[in-house]
Amino acid sequence: IDTRLRTAYPVGPEMSRSVQYKYTAQGATAPNGKMFSAPCNAARVLCICAGSSAVDLLEPDIPGLEKYVAAGVAAADKVYFAPHRARWILCINAGSLTVERCGPEMVGGPKYSADGILAPNDCIYYAPDSAFHVLCIQVLLNQAELLCPEIRGQSKYVAGGVLTHNGHVVFAPSSGERVLCINYEAQAVQMLD
């Protein structure tokens, strides 16, 4: 979309019409100005360079359906997406345009649907949809961990979280029974009454 000329036009490679819901997660813009979208039912990560209107589909192909639906989070020179039905966290290096997996392998789904929050401790937190743990991506280490306690149930949290002024990240429940509160300074998860 060219706001100056008030026009819109397609750019980049033509994509298959037979695949619906190619990209459903909100993309994230890296500090270098490139925007990345994780594939839902498409096979590859989408990279858009807004300044030149260049569009690339980054390798490798990622198999499966409904792979990523939660919004991406840009931190440092990377963009992260939590898995929905994919088996890995998606990590995109915005400088080298490489795609890699990060963290522990996770099976099943839907795992994470709610948009993640980047906290001041350089960790990204995702609340569980039907996964059993809060996902914490440690940006500076490019590692991830699943925080205890275990939280049982389906469709527990699907709305994005909020960073509070007192050192917490909170997520409102969908089918969950209580508000999820993460003290990011202590890496502690609790349920609020």
N, C-alpha and C. Protein backbone atom coordinates (compact mmCIF):
# COMPACT_ATOMS: atom_id res chain seq x y z
N ILE A 1 0.86 -1.17 0.00
CA ILE A 1 0.00 0.00 0.00
C ILE A 1 0.90 1.23 0.00
N ASP A 2 0.70 2.07 -0.96
CA ASP A 2 1.44 3.33 -1.06
C ASP A 2 0.52 4.43 -0.54
N THR A 3 0.75 4.87 0.72
CA THR A 3 -0.14 5.86 1.33
C THR A 3 0.01 7.23 0.68
N ARG A 4 1.18 7.51 0.13
CA ARG A 4 1.40 8.80 -0.52
C ARG A 4 0.53 8.92 -1.77
N LEU A 5 0.49 7.86 -2.57
CA LEU A 5 -0.31 7.86 -3.80
C LEU A 5 -1.71 7.29 -3.60
N ARG A 6 -1.98 6.78 -2.40
CA ARG A 6 -3.27 6.17 -2.07
C ARG A 6 -3.61 5.03 -3.04
N THR A 7 -2.64 4.16 -3.23
CA THR A 7 -2.84 3.00 -4.10
C THR A 7 -2.38 1.75 -3.37
N ALA A 8 -2.87 0.63 -3.83
CA ALA A 8 -2.46 -0.66 -3.31
C ALA A 8 -2.22 -1.59 -4.49
N TYR A 9 -1.21 -2.41 -4.39
CA TYR A 9 -0.89 -3.32 -5.48
C TYR A 9 -0.15 -4.53 -4.90
N PRO A 10 -0.30 -5.70 -5.52
CA PRO A 10 0.39 -6.90 -5.04
C PRO A 10 1.87 -6.84 -5.40
N VAL A 11 2.69 -7.39 -4.51
CA VAL A 11 4.13 -7.50 -4.76
C VAL A 11 4.57 -8.91 -4.40
N GLY A 12 5.75 -9.28 -4.88
CA GLY A 12 6.34 -10.57 -4.52
C GLY A 12 5.84 -11.72 -5.36
N PRO A 13 6.30 -12.92 -5.00
CA PRO A 13 5.93 -14.10 -5.77
C PRO A 13 4.45 -14.44 -5.61
N GLU A 14 3.87 -14.98 -6.67
CA GLU A 14 2.47 -15.40 -6.59
C GLU A 14 2.41 -16.68 -5.76
N MET A 15 1.41 -16.76 -4.89
CA MET A 15 1.27 -17.92 -4.01
C MET A 15 0.06 -18.72 -4.42
N SER A 16 0.09 -19.99 -4.09
CA SER A 16 -0.96 -20.92 -4.48
C SER A 16 -2.32 -20.45 -3.97
N ARG A 17 -3.31 -20.48 -4.84
CA ARG A 17 -4.68 -20.15 -4.43
C ARG A 17 -5.33 -21.30 -3.68
N SER A 18 -4.79 -22.49 -3.81
CA SER A 18 -5.41 -23.65 -3.18
C SER A 18 -5.12 -23.71 -1.67
N VAL A 19 -4.16 -22.95 -1.20
CA VAL A 19 -3.83 -22.95 0.23
C VAL A 19 -4.51 -21.75 0.89
N GLN A 20 -5.39 -22.02 1.84
CA GLN A 20 -6.04 -20.95 2.58
C GLN A 20 -5.33 -20.74 3.91
N TYR A 21 -5.51 -19.56 4.47
CA TYR A 21 -4.90 -19.22 5.76
C TYR A 21 -3.38 -19.40 5.72
N LYS A 22 -2.79 -18.87 4.68
CA LYS A 22 -1.33 -18.99 4.53
C LYS A 22 -0.60 -18.38 5.71
N TYR A 23 -0.98 -17.15 6.07
CA TYR A 23 -0.34 -16.42 7.17
C TYR A 23 -1.44 -15.80 8.01
N THR A 24 -1.55 -16.21 9.27
CA THR A 24 -2.59 -15.67 10.14
C THR A 24 -2.02 -14.94 11.35
N ALA A 25 -0.79 -15.22 11.72
CA ALA A 25 -0.16 -14.55 12.86
C ALA A 25 0.26 -13.14 12.44
N GLN A 26 0.09 -12.20 13.34
CA GLN A 26 0.58 -10.85 13.07
C GLN A 26 2.10 -10.91 12.92
N GLY A 27 2.60 -10.32 11.88
CA GLY A 27 4.04 -10.30 11.66
C GLY A 27 4.74 -9.36 12.62
N ALA A 28 6.06 -9.38 12.56
CA ALA A 28 6.87 -8.49 13.40
C ALA A 28 7.94 -7.84 12.53
N THR A 29 8.24 -6.59 12.84
CA THR A 29 9.25 -5.85 12.11
C THR A 29 10.54 -5.81 12.92
N ALA A 30 11.61 -6.25 12.30
CA ALA A 30 12.92 -6.25 12.94
C ALA A 30 13.53 -4.85 12.88
N PRO A 31 14.55 -4.57 13.70
CA PRO A 31 15.18 -3.24 13.68
C PRO A 31 15.72 -2.83 12.31
N ASN A 32 16.04 -3.79 11.45
CA ASN A 32 16.55 -3.45 10.12
C ASN A 32 15.44 -3.09 9.13
N GLY A 33 14.18 -3.05 9.60
CA GLY A 33 13.06 -2.64 8.76
C GLY A 33 12.39 -3.77 8.01
N LYS A 34 12.92 -4.98 8.10
CA LYS A 34 12.29 -6.11 7.41
C LYS A 34 11.17 -6.67 8.28
N MET A 35 10.05 -7.02 7.63
CA MET A 35 8.90 -7.57 8.32
C MET A 35 8.83 -9.06 8.01
N PHE A 36 8.55 -9.84 9.04
CA PHE A 36 8.49 -11.29 8.90
C PHE A 36 7.14 -11.81 9.35
N SER A 37 6.60 -12.78 8.60
CA SER A 37 5.37 -13.48 8.96
C SER A 37 5.66 -14.97 8.98
N ALA A 38 5.19 -15.62 10.03
CA ALA A 38 5.36 -17.07 10.15
C ALA A 38 4.24 -17.77 9.42
N PRO A 39 4.53 -18.93 8.83
CA PRO A 39 3.49 -19.65 8.09
C PRO A 39 2.47 -20.32 9.01
N CYS A 40 1.20 -20.15 8.66
CA CYS A 40 0.14 -20.93 9.29
C CYS A 40 -0.01 -22.21 8.46
N ASN A 41 -0.55 -22.06 7.25
CA ASN A 41 -0.67 -23.21 6.34
C ASN A 41 0.27 -23.11 5.14
N ALA A 42 0.94 -21.97 4.98
CA ALA A 42 1.96 -21.85 3.93
C ALA A 42 3.17 -22.69 4.34
N ALA A 43 4.12 -22.83 3.43
CA ALA A 43 5.29 -23.66 3.73
C ALA A 43 6.48 -22.88 4.25
N ARG A 44 6.58 -21.58 3.89
CA ARG A 44 7.80 -20.84 4.22
C ARG A 44 7.50 -19.52 4.93
N VAL A 45 8.52 -19.02 5.63
CA VAL A 45 8.46 -17.71 6.27
C VAL A 45 8.44 -16.65 5.18
N LEU A 46 7.60 -15.63 5.38
CA LEU A 46 7.48 -14.52 4.46
C LEU A 46 8.31 -13.35 4.98
N CYS A 47 9.16 -12.78 4.12
CA CYS A 47 10.00 -11.63 4.47
C CYS A 47 9.69 -10.49 3.51
N ILE A 48 9.34 -9.34 4.06
CA ILE A 48 9.00 -8.17 3.25
C ILE A 48 9.95 -7.04 3.62
N CYS A 49 10.61 -6.49 2.63
CA CYS A 49 11.45 -5.31 2.82
C CYS A 49 10.62 -4.11 2.36
N ALA A 50 10.05 -3.39 3.31
CA ALA A 50 9.10 -2.32 2.99
C ALA A 50 9.69 -1.24 2.09
N GLY A 51 10.94 -0.90 2.29
CA GLY A 51 11.54 0.17 1.50
C GLY A 51 11.64 -0.12 0.02
N SER A 52 11.89 -1.37 -0.33
CA SER A 52 12.06 -1.72 -1.74
C SER A 52 10.90 -2.55 -2.29
N SER A 53 9.94 -2.90 -1.45
CA SER A 53 8.82 -3.77 -1.83
C SER A 53 9.28 -5.16 -2.23
N ALA A 54 10.49 -5.53 -1.84
CA ALA A 54 10.98 -6.88 -2.14
C ALA A 54 10.32 -7.88 -1.19
N VAL A 55 9.92 -9.02 -1.73
CA VAL A 55 9.29 -10.07 -0.94
C VAL A 55 10.03 -11.36 -1.19
N ASP A 56 10.39 -12.05 -0.12
CA ASP A 56 11.08 -13.33 -0.23
C ASP A 56 10.36 -14.37 0.61
N LEU A 57 10.42 -15.61 0.15
CA LEU A 57 9.96 -16.75 0.92
C LEU A 57 11.22 -17.47 1.39
N LEU A 58 11.44 -17.47 2.70
CA LEU A 58 12.69 -17.99 3.25
C LEU A 58 12.63 -19.50 3.47
N GLU A 59 13.70 -20.17 3.09
CA GLU A 59 13.83 -21.61 3.33
C GLU A 59 14.21 -21.82 4.79
N PRO A 60 13.95 -23.01 5.32
CA PRO A 60 13.43 -24.21 4.68
C PRO A 60 11.91 -24.26 4.71
N ASP A 61 11.34 -25.24 3.97
CA ASP A 61 9.91 -25.52 4.07
C ASP A 61 9.62 -26.05 5.47
N ILE A 62 8.50 -25.62 6.03
CA ILE A 62 8.08 -26.06 7.36
C ILE A 62 6.79 -26.85 7.16
N PRO A 63 6.82 -28.16 7.42
CA PRO A 63 5.64 -28.99 7.17
C PRO A 63 4.53 -28.76 8.19
N GLY A 64 3.31 -29.11 7.78
CA GLY A 64 2.18 -29.09 8.70
C GLY A 64 1.19 -27.98 8.43
N LEU A 65 0.12 -28.00 9.21
CA LEU A 65 -0.95 -27.01 9.12
C LEU A 65 -1.10 -26.31 10.47
N GLU A 66 -1.64 -25.10 10.43
CA GLU A 66 -1.87 -24.31 11.64
C GLU A 66 -0.61 -24.24 12.50
N LYS A 67 0.52 -23.99 11.84
CA LYS A 67 1.81 -24.04 12.53
C LYS A 67 2.01 -22.90 13.53
N TYR A 68 1.73 -21.67 13.09
CA TYR A 68 1.97 -20.49 13.94
C TYR A 68 0.78 -19.53 13.80
N VAL A 69 0.18 -19.12 14.93
CA VAL A 69 -0.94 -18.18 14.89
C VAL A 69 -0.73 -16.98 15.82
N ALA A 70 0.10 -17.12 16.84
CA ALA A 70 0.37 -16.00 17.76
C ALA A 70 1.32 -15.02 17.09
N ALA A 71 1.17 -13.75 17.41
CA ALA A 71 1.99 -12.69 16.80
C ALA A 71 3.48 -12.92 17.08
N GLY A 72 4.28 -12.52 16.11
CA GLY A 72 5.72 -12.57 16.27
C GLY A 72 6.20 -11.45 17.18
N VAL A 73 7.34 -11.67 17.81
CA VAL A 73 7.95 -10.66 18.68
C VAL A 73 9.38 -10.45 18.22
N ALA A 74 9.72 -9.20 17.90
CA ALA A 74 11.08 -8.86 17.51
C ALA A 74 11.88 -8.47 18.75
N ALA A 75 13.08 -9.04 18.84
CA ALA A 75 13.96 -8.74 19.97
C ALA A 75 15.40 -8.91 19.49
N ALA A 76 16.21 -7.89 19.76
CA ALA A 76 17.60 -7.86 19.26
C ALA A 76 17.53 -7.94 17.74
N ASP A 77 18.24 -8.87 17.13
CA ASP A 77 18.23 -8.99 15.67
C ASP A 77 17.41 -10.19 15.20
N LYS A 78 16.50 -10.67 16.06
CA LYS A 78 15.72 -11.85 15.73
C LYS A 78 14.23 -11.59 15.89
N VAL A 79 13.45 -12.47 15.26
CA VAL A 79 12.00 -12.45 15.42
C VAL A 79 11.59 -13.86 15.82
N TYR A 80 10.76 -13.96 16.86
CA TYR A 80 10.34 -15.25 17.39
C TYR A 80 8.83 -15.42 17.23
N PHE A 81 8.43 -16.68 16.96
CA PHE A 81 7.02 -17.07 16.91
C PHE A 81 6.86 -18.35 17.74
N ALA A 82 5.88 -18.35 18.64
CA ALA A 82 5.59 -19.54 19.44
C ALA A 82 4.78 -20.52 18.60
N PRO A 83 4.98 -21.82 18.79
CA PRO A 83 4.25 -22.80 17.98
C PRO A 83 2.80 -22.96 18.40
N HIS A 84 1.96 -23.13 17.38
CA HIS A 84 0.55 -23.45 17.62
C HIS A 84 0.41 -24.97 17.47
N ARG A 85 0.63 -25.46 16.25
CA ARG A 85 0.69 -26.91 16.03
C ARG A 85 2.06 -27.35 15.51
N ALA A 86 2.94 -26.39 15.27
CA ALA A 86 4.32 -26.73 14.89
C ALA A 86 5.01 -27.37 16.09
N ARG A 87 6.15 -27.96 15.87
CA ARG A 87 6.84 -28.67 16.95
C ARG A 87 7.93 -27.82 17.62
N TRP A 88 8.25 -26.66 17.01
CA TRP A 88 9.36 -25.86 17.51
C TRP A 88 8.99 -24.39 17.53
N ILE A 89 9.69 -23.64 18.36
CA ILE A 89 9.65 -22.19 18.30
C ILE A 89 10.36 -21.79 17.02
N LEU A 90 9.83 -20.83 16.31
CA LEU A 90 10.43 -20.34 15.08
C LEU A 90 11.30 -19.13 15.42
N CYS A 91 12.55 -19.16 15.00
CA CYS A 91 13.48 -18.07 15.24
C CYS A 91 14.04 -17.61 13.89
N ILE A 92 13.85 -16.35 13.58
CA ILE A 92 14.30 -15.79 12.30
C ILE A 92 15.40 -14.78 12.59
N ASN A 93 16.56 -14.97 12.00
CA ASN A 93 17.65 -14.01 12.12
C ASN A 93 17.43 -12.96 11.04
N ALA A 94 17.09 -11.74 11.46
CA ALA A 94 16.73 -10.69 10.51
C ALA A 94 17.92 -10.22 9.67
N GLY A 95 19.13 -10.34 10.19
CA GLY A 95 20.31 -9.91 9.46
C GLY A 95 20.72 -10.87 8.37
N SER A 96 20.80 -12.15 8.73
CA SER A 96 21.25 -13.17 7.77
C SER A 96 20.10 -13.81 7.00
N LEU A 97 18.86 -13.46 7.37
CA LEU A 97 17.65 -14.03 6.75
C LEU A 97 17.65 -15.56 6.82
N THR A 98 18.05 -16.07 7.97
CA THR A 98 18.02 -17.51 8.20
C THR A 98 16.89 -17.85 9.16
N VAL A 99 16.34 -19.03 8.97
CA VAL A 99 15.24 -19.53 9.79
C VAL A 99 15.73 -20.76 10.52
N GLU A 100 15.53 -20.77 11.83
CA GLU A 100 15.94 -21.94 12.61
C GLU A 100 14.90 -22.22 13.68
N ARG A 101 15.01 -23.38 14.26
CA ARG A 101 14.11 -23.71 15.36
C ARG A 101 14.86 -23.50 16.67
N CYS A 102 14.09 -23.23 17.69
CA CYS A 102 14.67 -22.88 18.97
C CYS A 102 13.89 -23.60 20.07
N GLY A 103 14.60 -23.92 21.14
CA GLY A 103 13.95 -24.48 22.32
C GLY A 103 13.61 -25.95 22.22
N PRO A 104 12.86 -26.44 23.20
CA PRO A 104 12.53 -27.86 23.24
C PRO A 104 11.49 -28.23 22.18
N GLU A 105 11.53 -29.47 21.73
CA GLU A 105 10.50 -29.97 20.81
C GLU A 105 9.21 -30.12 21.60
N MET A 106 8.10 -29.68 20.98
CA MET A 106 6.79 -29.76 21.63
C MET A 106 5.82 -30.45 20.69
N VAL A 107 5.07 -31.40 21.19
CA VAL A 107 4.12 -32.13 20.36
C VAL A 107 2.70 -31.69 20.71
N GLY A 108 1.77 -32.05 19.83
CA GLY A 108 0.36 -31.74 20.08
C GLY A 108 0.01 -30.33 19.66
N GLY A 109 -1.13 -29.91 20.11
CA GLY A 109 -1.58 -28.56 19.79
C GLY A 109 -3.08 -28.47 19.99
N PRO A 110 -3.59 -27.32 20.00
CA PRO A 110 -2.92 -26.03 19.83
C PRO A 110 -2.15 -25.65 21.10
N LYS A 111 -0.87 -25.31 20.93
CA LYS A 111 -0.02 -25.02 22.08
C LYS A 111 -0.13 -23.57 22.55
N TYR A 112 0.15 -22.62 21.66
CA TYR A 112 0.16 -21.20 22.02
C TYR A 112 -0.58 -20.40 20.96
N SER A 113 -1.60 -19.65 21.38
CA SER A 113 -2.40 -18.80 20.49
C SER A 113 -2.30 -17.33 20.86
N ALA A 114 -2.10 -17.05 22.14
CA ALA A 114 -2.04 -15.66 22.62
C ALA A 114 -0.73 -15.02 22.20
N ASP A 115 -0.79 -13.74 21.85
CA ASP A 115 0.42 -13.01 21.48
C ASP A 115 1.35 -12.91 22.68
N GLY A 116 2.63 -13.04 22.42
CA GLY A 116 3.63 -12.97 23.47
C GLY A 116 3.97 -11.55 23.86
N ILE A 117 4.65 -11.42 24.99
CA ILE A 117 5.07 -10.12 25.52
C ILE A 117 6.57 -10.15 25.78
N LEU A 118 7.28 -9.14 25.27
CA LEU A 118 8.71 -8.97 25.57
C LEU A 118 8.81 -8.15 26.84
N ALA A 119 9.38 -8.75 27.88
CA ALA A 119 9.54 -8.08 29.17
C ALA A 119 10.91 -7.39 29.23
N PRO A 120 11.09 -6.47 30.18
CA PRO A 120 12.38 -5.77 30.32
C PRO A 120 13.57 -6.67 30.63
N ASN A 121 13.33 -7.91 31.05
CA ASN A 121 14.43 -8.85 31.32
C ASN A 121 14.89 -9.57 30.06
N ASP A 122 14.46 -9.09 28.89
CA ASP A 122 14.82 -9.68 27.59
C ASP A 122 14.32 -11.11 27.44
N CYS A 123 13.17 -11.38 28.02
CA CYS A 123 12.49 -12.66 27.84
C CYS A 123 11.12 -12.39 27.22
N ILE A 124 10.70 -13.31 26.36
CA ILE A 124 9.38 -13.24 25.75
C ILE A 124 8.53 -14.32 26.43
N TYR A 125 7.33 -13.93 26.85
CA TYR A 125 6.44 -14.86 27.54
C TYR A 125 5.18 -15.11 26.70
N TYR A 126 4.83 -16.39 26.57
CA TYR A 126 3.60 -16.80 25.89
C TYR A 126 2.78 -17.63 26.87
N ALA A 127 1.49 -17.30 27.00
CA ALA A 127 0.58 -18.06 27.85
C ALA A 127 0.10 -19.29 27.09
N PRO A 128 -0.15 -20.39 27.80
CA PRO A 128 -0.58 -21.61 27.11
C PRO A 128 -2.03 -21.58 26.67
N ASP A 129 -2.26 -22.08 25.46
CA ASP A 129 -3.61 -22.33 24.96
C ASP A 129 -3.98 -23.71 25.51
N SER A 130 -3.49 -24.76 24.85
CA SER A 130 -3.71 -26.11 25.36
C SER A 130 -2.40 -26.77 25.79
N ALA A 131 -1.29 -26.03 25.68
CA ALA A 131 -0.02 -26.51 26.25
C ALA A 131 -0.17 -26.46 27.77
N PHE A 132 0.77 -27.06 28.48
CA PHE A 132 0.64 -27.14 29.93
C PHE A 132 1.52 -26.15 30.69
N HIS A 133 2.36 -25.40 29.98
CA HIS A 133 3.29 -24.49 30.66
C HIS A 133 3.39 -23.15 29.95
N VAL A 134 3.73 -22.12 30.71
CA VAL A 134 4.10 -20.84 30.12
C VAL A 134 5.41 -21.04 29.37
N LEU A 135 5.49 -20.46 28.18
CA LEU A 135 6.71 -20.53 27.37
C LEU A 135 7.51 -19.26 27.61
N CYS A 136 8.78 -19.42 27.94
CA CYS A 136 9.69 -18.30 28.16
C CYS A 136 10.85 -18.43 27.17
N ILE A 137 11.00 -17.45 26.29
CA ILE A 137 12.12 -17.43 25.34
C ILE A 137 13.13 -16.42 25.87
N GLN A 138 14.32 -16.90 26.16
CA GLN A 138 15.40 -16.04 26.65
C GLN A 138 16.16 -15.52 25.44
N VAL A 139 15.88 -14.28 25.08
CA VAL A 139 16.38 -13.71 23.84
C VAL A 139 17.90 -13.68 23.78
N LEU A 140 18.55 -13.21 24.82
CA LEU A 140 20.01 -13.05 24.78
C LEU A 140 20.74 -14.38 24.68
N LEU A 141 20.12 -15.45 25.17
CA LEU A 141 20.72 -16.78 25.08
C LEU A 141 20.20 -17.58 23.90
N ASN A 142 19.15 -17.06 23.24
CA ASN A 142 18.48 -17.78 22.15
C ASN A 142 18.07 -19.18 22.61
N GLN A 143 17.50 -19.23 23.80
CA GLN A 143 17.04 -20.49 24.39
C GLN A 143 15.62 -20.30 24.90
N ALA A 144 14.97 -21.41 25.19
CA ALA A 144 13.61 -21.35 25.71
C ALA A 144 13.45 -22.37 26.82
N GLU A 145 12.51 -22.06 27.70
CA GLU A 145 12.18 -23.01 28.76
C GLU A 145 10.69 -22.95 29.03
N LEU A 146 10.18 -24.03 29.58
CA LEU A 146 8.77 -24.13 29.96
C LEU A 146 8.72 -23.92 31.47
N LEU A 147 7.97 -22.89 31.89
CA LEU A 147 7.93 -22.53 33.30
C LEU A 147 6.84 -23.31 34.03
N CYS A 148 7.14 -23.73 35.25
CA CYS A 148 6.18 -24.39 36.12
C CYS A 148 5.42 -23.33 36.88
N PRO A 149 4.23 -23.65 37.35
CA PRO A 149 3.61 -24.97 37.45
C PRO A 149 2.90 -25.37 36.17
N GLU A 150 2.52 -26.64 36.14
CA GLU A 150 1.72 -27.15 35.03
C GLU A 150 0.31 -26.57 35.15
N ILE A 151 -0.24 -26.17 33.98
CA ILE A 151 -1.59 -25.60 33.94
C ILE A 151 -2.42 -26.45 32.98
N ARG A 152 -3.36 -27.19 33.51
CA ARG A 152 -4.18 -28.11 32.71
C ARG A 152 -5.36 -27.39 32.06
N GLY A 153 -5.87 -27.97 30.96
CA GLY A 153 -7.07 -27.45 30.33
C GLY A 153 -6.86 -27.13 28.86
N GLN A 154 -7.94 -26.79 28.19
CA GLN A 154 -7.94 -26.45 26.77
C GLN A 154 -8.32 -24.99 26.60
N SER A 155 -7.78 -24.35 25.59
CA SER A 155 -8.12 -22.95 25.24
C SER A 155 -8.06 -22.03 26.45
N LYS A 156 -7.04 -22.21 27.28
CA LYS A 156 -6.95 -21.46 28.54
C LYS A 156 -6.73 -19.96 28.31
N TYR A 157 -5.79 -19.62 27.43
CA TYR A 157 -5.43 -18.22 27.18
C TYR A 157 -5.25 -18.03 25.68
N VAL A 158 -6.05 -17.14 25.09
CA VAL A 158 -5.92 -16.88 23.65
C VAL A 158 -5.75 -15.38 23.35
N ALA A 159 -5.97 -14.52 24.34
CA ALA A 159 -5.76 -13.08 24.15
C ALA A 159 -4.35 -12.72 24.59
N GLY A 160 -3.77 -11.73 23.93
CA GLY A 160 -2.41 -11.29 24.26
C GLY A 160 -2.30 -10.79 25.69
N GLY A 161 -1.09 -10.82 26.20
CA GLY A 161 -0.83 -10.38 27.56
C GLY A 161 -0.56 -8.89 27.64
N VAL A 162 -0.41 -8.43 28.89
CA VAL A 162 -0.14 -7.03 29.18
C VAL A 162 1.02 -6.95 30.15
N LEU A 163 1.93 -6.03 29.88
CA LEU A 163 3.05 -5.76 30.78
C LEU A 163 2.60 -4.71 31.79
N THR A 164 2.68 -5.04 33.08
CA THR A 164 2.22 -4.10 34.11
C THR A 164 3.38 -3.25 34.61
N HIS A 165 3.05 -2.21 35.36
CA HIS A 165 4.06 -1.29 35.89
C HIS A 165 4.83 -1.88 37.07
N ASN A 166 4.36 -2.98 37.65
CA ASN A 166 4.99 -3.52 38.85
C ASN A 166 5.76 -4.82 38.60
N GLY A 167 6.25 -5.02 37.38
CA GLY A 167 7.13 -6.16 37.14
C GLY A 167 6.41 -7.47 36.83
N HIS A 168 5.23 -7.39 36.23
CA HIS A 168 4.48 -8.60 35.91
C HIS A 168 3.98 -8.57 34.47
N VAL A 169 3.73 -9.76 33.96
CA VAL A 169 3.02 -9.93 32.69
C VAL A 169 1.75 -10.69 33.05
N VAL A 170 0.60 -10.18 32.61
CA VAL A 170 -0.66 -10.84 32.94
C VAL A 170 -1.42 -11.19 31.66
N PHE A 171 -2.14 -12.30 31.72
CA PHE A 171 -2.97 -12.77 30.61
C PHE A 171 -4.36 -13.05 31.17
N ALA A 172 -5.39 -12.50 30.51
CA ALA A 172 -6.77 -12.76 30.91
C ALA A 172 -7.18 -14.14 30.40
N PRO A 173 -8.01 -14.86 31.15
CA PRO A 173 -8.40 -16.21 30.74
C PRO A 173 -9.43 -16.22 29.62
N SER A 174 -9.36 -17.25 28.80
CA SER A 174 -10.41 -17.52 27.81
C SER A 174 -11.28 -18.61 28.43
N SER A 175 -10.81 -19.85 28.39
CA SER A 175 -11.50 -20.93 29.10
C SER A 175 -10.79 -21.26 30.40
N GLY A 176 -9.65 -20.60 30.63
CA GLY A 176 -8.94 -20.79 31.90
C GLY A 176 -9.79 -20.28 33.04
N GLU A 177 -9.45 -20.69 34.24
CA GLU A 177 -10.26 -20.34 35.40
C GLU A 177 -9.81 -19.07 36.10
N ARG A 178 -8.53 -18.69 35.94
CA ARG A 178 -8.03 -17.51 36.65
C ARG A 178 -7.06 -16.73 35.77
N VAL A 179 -6.80 -15.51 36.16
CA VAL A 179 -5.82 -14.66 35.47
C VAL A 179 -4.43 -15.25 35.69
N LEU A 180 -3.66 -15.31 34.62
CA LEU A 180 -2.29 -15.82 34.69
C LEU A 180 -1.36 -14.63 34.92
N CYS A 181 -0.50 -14.73 35.92
CA CYS A 181 0.42 -13.66 36.27
C CYS A 181 1.84 -14.21 36.30
N ILE A 182 2.74 -13.55 35.57
CA ILE A 182 4.14 -13.96 35.53
C ILE A 182 4.97 -12.83 36.13
N ASN A 183 5.68 -13.13 37.20
CA ASN A 183 6.63 -12.18 37.77
C ASN A 183 7.93 -12.39 37.01
N TYR A 184 8.23 -11.49 36.06
CA TYR A 184 9.37 -11.74 35.19
C TYR A 184 10.71 -11.55 35.90
N GLU A 185 10.75 -10.80 37.00
CA GLU A 185 12.00 -10.66 37.73
C GLU A 185 12.36 -11.94 38.46
N ALA A 186 11.37 -12.65 38.96
CA ALA A 186 11.59 -13.90 39.70
C ALA A 186 11.39 -15.14 38.83
N GLN A 187 10.93 -14.95 37.58
CA GLN A 187 10.59 -16.07 36.71
C GLN A 187 9.57 -16.98 37.38
N ALA A 188 8.59 -16.38 38.06
CA ALA A 188 7.59 -17.14 38.79
C ALA A 188 6.23 -16.96 38.16
N VAL A 189 5.48 -18.07 38.06
CA VAL A 189 4.15 -18.08 37.49
C VAL A 189 3.14 -18.32 38.61
N GLN A 190 2.09 -17.50 38.63
CA GLN A 190 1.03 -17.73 39.62
C GLN A 190 -0.33 -17.41 38.99
N MET A 191 -1.36 -17.95 39.61
CA MET A 191 -2.73 -17.71 39.18
C MET A 191 -3.36 -16.75 40.18
N LEU A 192 -3.99 -15.68 39.66
CA LEU A 192 -4.59 -14.69 40.54
C LEU A 192 -6.06 -15.01 40.78
N ASP A 193 -6.50 -14.80 42.00
CA ASP A 193 -7.91 -15.02 42.36
C ASP A 193 -8.73 -13.81 42.03
